[in-house]
Amino acid sequence: MQINTQERIEIAWSDNSDDDNEWQSHQLEVKKPLDKSDIDQIEPGLAEEMKEIEQNDRFLNRKILRIYIGKED
Protein backbone atom coordinates (compact mmCIF):
# COMPACT_ATOMS: atom_id res chain seq x y z
CA MET A 1 0.00 0.00 0.00
CA GLN A 2 1.32 3.42 -0.94
CA ILE A 3 1.44 6.20 1.62
CA ASN A 4 0.79 9.89 0.91
CA THR A 5 -0.97 9.25 -2.37
CA GLN A 6 -4.25 10.55 -3.61
CA GLU A 7 -6.64 9.68 -6.37
CA ARG A 8 -9.32 11.89 -7.85
CA ILE A 9 -12.61 10.20 -8.63
CA GLU A 10 -15.44 12.10 -10.30
CA ILE A 11 -18.99 10.85 -9.91
CA ALA A 12 -22.44 11.81 -11.11
CA TRP A 13 -24.19 14.21 -8.72
CA SER A 14 -27.93 14.68 -8.33
CA ASP A 15 -29.09 18.26 -8.75
CA ASN A 16 -31.41 18.21 -5.73
CA SER A 17 -28.84 19.43 -3.19
CA ASP A 18 -25.37 20.95 -3.05
CA ASP A 19 -24.50 18.89 0.05
CA ASP A 20 -26.19 15.49 -0.39
CA ASN A 21 -25.95 13.22 -3.41
CA GLU A 22 -29.04 11.03 -3.61
CA TRP A 23 -27.15 8.69 -5.97
CA GLN A 24 -24.54 7.85 -3.32
CA SER A 25 -24.79 5.92 -0.07
CA HIS A 26 -22.13 4.73 2.35
CA GLN A 27 -21.57 2.30 5.16
CA LEU A 28 -18.81 2.28 7.79
CA GLU A 29 -17.91 -1.19 9.02
CA VAL A 30 -15.91 -1.43 12.22
CA LYS A 31 -14.06 -4.55 13.40
CA LYS A 32 -15.66 -6.87 10.86
CA PRO A 33 -13.70 -9.45 8.88
CA LEU A 34 -13.64 -9.31 5.11
CA ASP A 35 -15.72 -11.93 3.38
CA LYS A 36 -14.87 -13.60 0.08
CA SER A 37 -17.02 -11.21 -1.96
CA ASP A 38 -15.09 -8.27 -0.46
CA ILE A 39 -11.72 -9.81 -1.25
CA ASP A 40 -12.77 -10.65 -4.82
CA GLN A 41 -13.46 -6.95 -5.48
CA ILE A 42 -10.09 -5.69 -4.18
CA GLU A 43 -6.90 -5.48 -6.24
CA PRO A 44 -4.99 -8.76 -5.64
CA GLY A 45 -1.93 -7.17 -3.98
CA LEU A 46 -4.08 -5.15 -1.58
CA ALA A 47 -6.28 -8.19 -0.90
CA GLU A 48 -3.22 -10.16 0.21
CA GLU A 49 -2.15 -7.31 2.51
CA MET A 50 -5.65 -7.15 4.01
CA LYS A 51 -5.69 -10.92 4.64
CA GLU A 52 -2.31 -10.69 6.36
CA ILE A 53 -3.50 -7.80 8.52
CA GLU A 54 -6.56 -9.83 9.56
CA GLN A 55 -4.39 -12.81 10.50
CA ASN A 56 -2.06 -10.64 12.61
CA ASP A 57 -4.78 -8.59 14.32
CA ARG A 58 -7.19 -10.89 16.11
CA PHE A 59 -9.20 -7.90 17.37
CA LEU A 60 -9.70 -6.49 13.84
CA ASN A 61 -8.78 -2.95 14.88
CA ARG A 62 -9.69 -1.33 11.61
CA LYS A 63 -12.49 0.42 9.79
CA ILE A 64 -13.68 -0.05 6.23
CA LEU A 65 -15.67 2.67 4.50
CA ARG A 66 -17.81 1.41 1.64
CA ILE A 67 -19.21 3.93 -0.80
CA TYR A 68 -21.91 2.88 -3.25
CA ILE A 69 -22.57 5.07 -6.27
CA GLY A 70 -25.29 4.49 -8.78
CA LYS A 71 -27.91 6.35 -10.71
CA GLU A 72 -31.30 4.74 -11.00
CA ASP A 73 -33.10 5.48 -14.24
C-alpha atoms as a PDB file:
ATOM      1  CA  MET A   1       0.000   0.000   0.000  1.00  0.00           C
ATOM      2  CA  GLN A   2       1.319   3.423  -0.940  1.00  0.00           C
ATOM      3  CA  ILE A   3       1.444   6.202   1.621  1.00  0.00           C
ATOM      4  CA  ASN A   4       0.794   9.893   0.910  1.00  0.00           C
ATOM      5  CA  THR A   5      -0.971   9.248  -2.371  1.00  0.00           C
ATOM      6  CA  GLN A   6      -4.249  10.551  -3.606  1.00  0.00           C
ATOM      7  CA  GLU A   7      -6.642   9.682  -6.366  1.00  0.00           C
ATOM      8  CA  ARG A   8      -9.324  11.891  -7.852  1.00  0.00           C
ATOM      9  CA  ILE A   9     -12.614  10.200  -8.633  1.00  0.00           C
ATOM     10  CA  GLU A  10     -15.435  12.104 -10.297  1.00  0.00           C
ATOM     11  CA  ILE A  11     -18.986  10.847  -9.907  1.00  0.00           C
ATOM     12  CA  ALA A  12     -22.439  11.810 -11.107  1.00  0.00           C
ATOM     13  CA  TRP A  13     -24.188  14.211  -8.720  1.00  0.00           C
ATOM     14  CA  SER A  14     -27.929  14.676  -8.330  1.00  0.00           C
ATOM     15  CA  ASP A  15     -29.092  18.260  -8.748  1.00  0.00           C
ATOM     16  CA  ASN A  16     -31.411  18.206  -5.726  1.00  0.00           C
ATOM     17  CA  SER A  17     -28.838  19.426  -3.189  1.00  0.00           C
ATOM     18  CA  ASP A  18     -25.370  20.952  -3.050  1.00  0.00           C
ATOM     19  CA  ASP A  19     -24.501  18.887   0.049  1.00  0.00           C
ATOM     20  CA  ASP A  20     -26.186  15.492  -0.386  1.00  0.00           C
ATOM     21  CA  ASN A  21     -25.950  13.223  -3.405  1.00  0.00           C
ATOM     22  CA  GLU A  22     -29.041  11.032  -3.610  1.00  0.00           C
ATOM     23  CA  TRP A  23     -27.148   8.688  -5.970  1.00  0.00           C
ATOM     24  CA  GLN A  24     -24.543   7.854  -3.322  1.00  0.00           C
ATOM     25  CA  SER A  25     -24.785   5.916  -0.072  1.00  0.00           C
ATOM     26  CA  HIS A  26     -22.129   4.734   2.347  1.00  0.00           C
ATOM     27  CA  GLN A  27     -21.566   2.302   5.159  1.00  0.00           C
ATOM     28  CA  LEU A  28     -18.807   2.282   7.793  1.00  0.00           C
ATOM     29  CA  GLU A  29     -17.906  -1.193   9.022  1.00  0.00           C
ATOM     30  CA  VAL A  30     -15.909  -1.432  12.223  1.00  0.00           C
ATOM     31  CA  LYS A  31     -14.064  -4.546  13.404  1.00  0.00           C
ATOM     32  CA  LYS A  32     -15.655  -6.868  10.855  1.00  0.00           C
ATOM     33  CA  PRO A  33     -13.703  -9.452   8.884  1.00  0.00           C
ATOM     34  CA  LEU A  34     -13.643  -9.305   5.114  1.00  0.00           C
ATOM     35  CA  ASP A  35     -15.718 -11.932   3.380  1.00  0.00           C
ATOM     36  CA  LYS A  36     -14.870 -13.602   0.082  1.00  0.00           C
ATOM     37  CA  SER A  37     -17.022 -11.208  -1.959  1.00  0.00           C
ATOM     38  CA  ASP A  38     -15.086  -8.268  -0.464  1.00  0.00           C
ATOM     39  CA  ILE A  39     -11.719  -9.812  -1.249  1.00  0.00           C
ATOM     40  CA  ASP A  40     -12.770 -10.652  -4.820  1.00  0.00           C
ATOM     41  CA  GLN A  41     -13.457  -6.950  -5.481  1.00  0.00           C
ATOM     42  CA  ILE A  42     -10.090  -5.691  -4.178  1.00  0.00           C
ATOM     43  CA  GLU A  43      -6.904  -5.478  -6.243  1.00  0.00           C
ATOM     44  CA  PRO A  44      -4.986  -8.760  -5.644  1.00  0.00           C
ATOM     45  CA  GLY A  45      -1.930  -7.175  -3.976  1.00  0.00           C
ATOM     46  CA  LEU A  46      -4.076  -5.150  -1.579  1.00  0.00           C
ATOM     47  CA  ALA A  47      -6.285  -8.190  -0.900  1.00  0.00           C
ATOM     48  CA  GLU A  48      -3.220 -10.164   0.208  1.00  0.00           C
ATOM     49  CA  GLU A  49      -2.155  -7.310   2.511  1.00  0.00           C
ATOM     50  CA  MET A  50      -5.651  -7.150   4.013  1.00  0.00           C
ATOM     51  CA  LYS A  51      -5.689 -10.925   4.638  1.00  0.00           C
ATOM     52  CA  GLU A  52      -2.305 -10.688   6.364  1.00  0.00           C
ATOM     53  CA  ILE A  53      -3.495  -7.796   8.516  1.00  0.00           C
ATOM     54  CA  GLU A  54      -6.556  -9.827   9.563  1.00  0.00           C
ATOM     55  CA  GLN A  55      -4.385 -12.807  10.504  1.00  0.00           C
ATOM     56  CA  ASN A  56      -2.062 -10.641  12.608  1.00  0.00           C
ATOM     57  CA  ASP A  57      -4.777  -8.592  14.315  1.00  0.00           C
ATOM     58  CA  ARG A  58      -7.188 -10.889  16.107  1.00  0.00           C
ATOM     59  CA  PHE A  59      -9.204  -7.902  17.368  1.00  0.00           C
ATOM     60  CA  LEU A  60      -9.704  -6.488  13.842  1.00  0.00           C
ATOM     61  CA  ASN A  61      -8.781  -2.954  14.879  1.00  0.00           C
ATOM     62  CA  ARG A  62      -9.689  -1.325  11.609  1.00  0.00           C
ATOM     63  CA  LYS A  63     -12.485   0.420   9.790  1.00  0.00           C
ATOM     64  CA  ILE A  64     -13.684  -0.050   6.227  1.00  0.00           C
ATOM     65  CA  LEU A  65     -15.666   2.670   4.501  1.00  0.00           C
ATOM     66  CA  ARG A  66     -17.810   1.406   1.637  1.00  0.00           C
ATOM     67  CA  ILE A  67     -19.211   3.932  -0.797  1.00  0.00           C
ATOM     68  CA  TYR A  68     -21.910   2.883  -3.249  1.00  0.00           C
ATOM     69  CA  ILE A  69     -22.571   5.069  -6.265  1.00  0.00           C
ATOM     70  CA  GLY A  70     -25.290   4.486  -8.781  1.00  0.00           C
ATOM     71  CA  LYS A  71     -27.907   6.346 -10.705  1.00  0.00           C
ATOM     72  CA  GLU A  72     -31.298   4.743 -10.998  1.00  0.00           C
ATOM     73  CA  ASP A  73     -33.105   5.482 -14.243  1.00  0.00           C
END
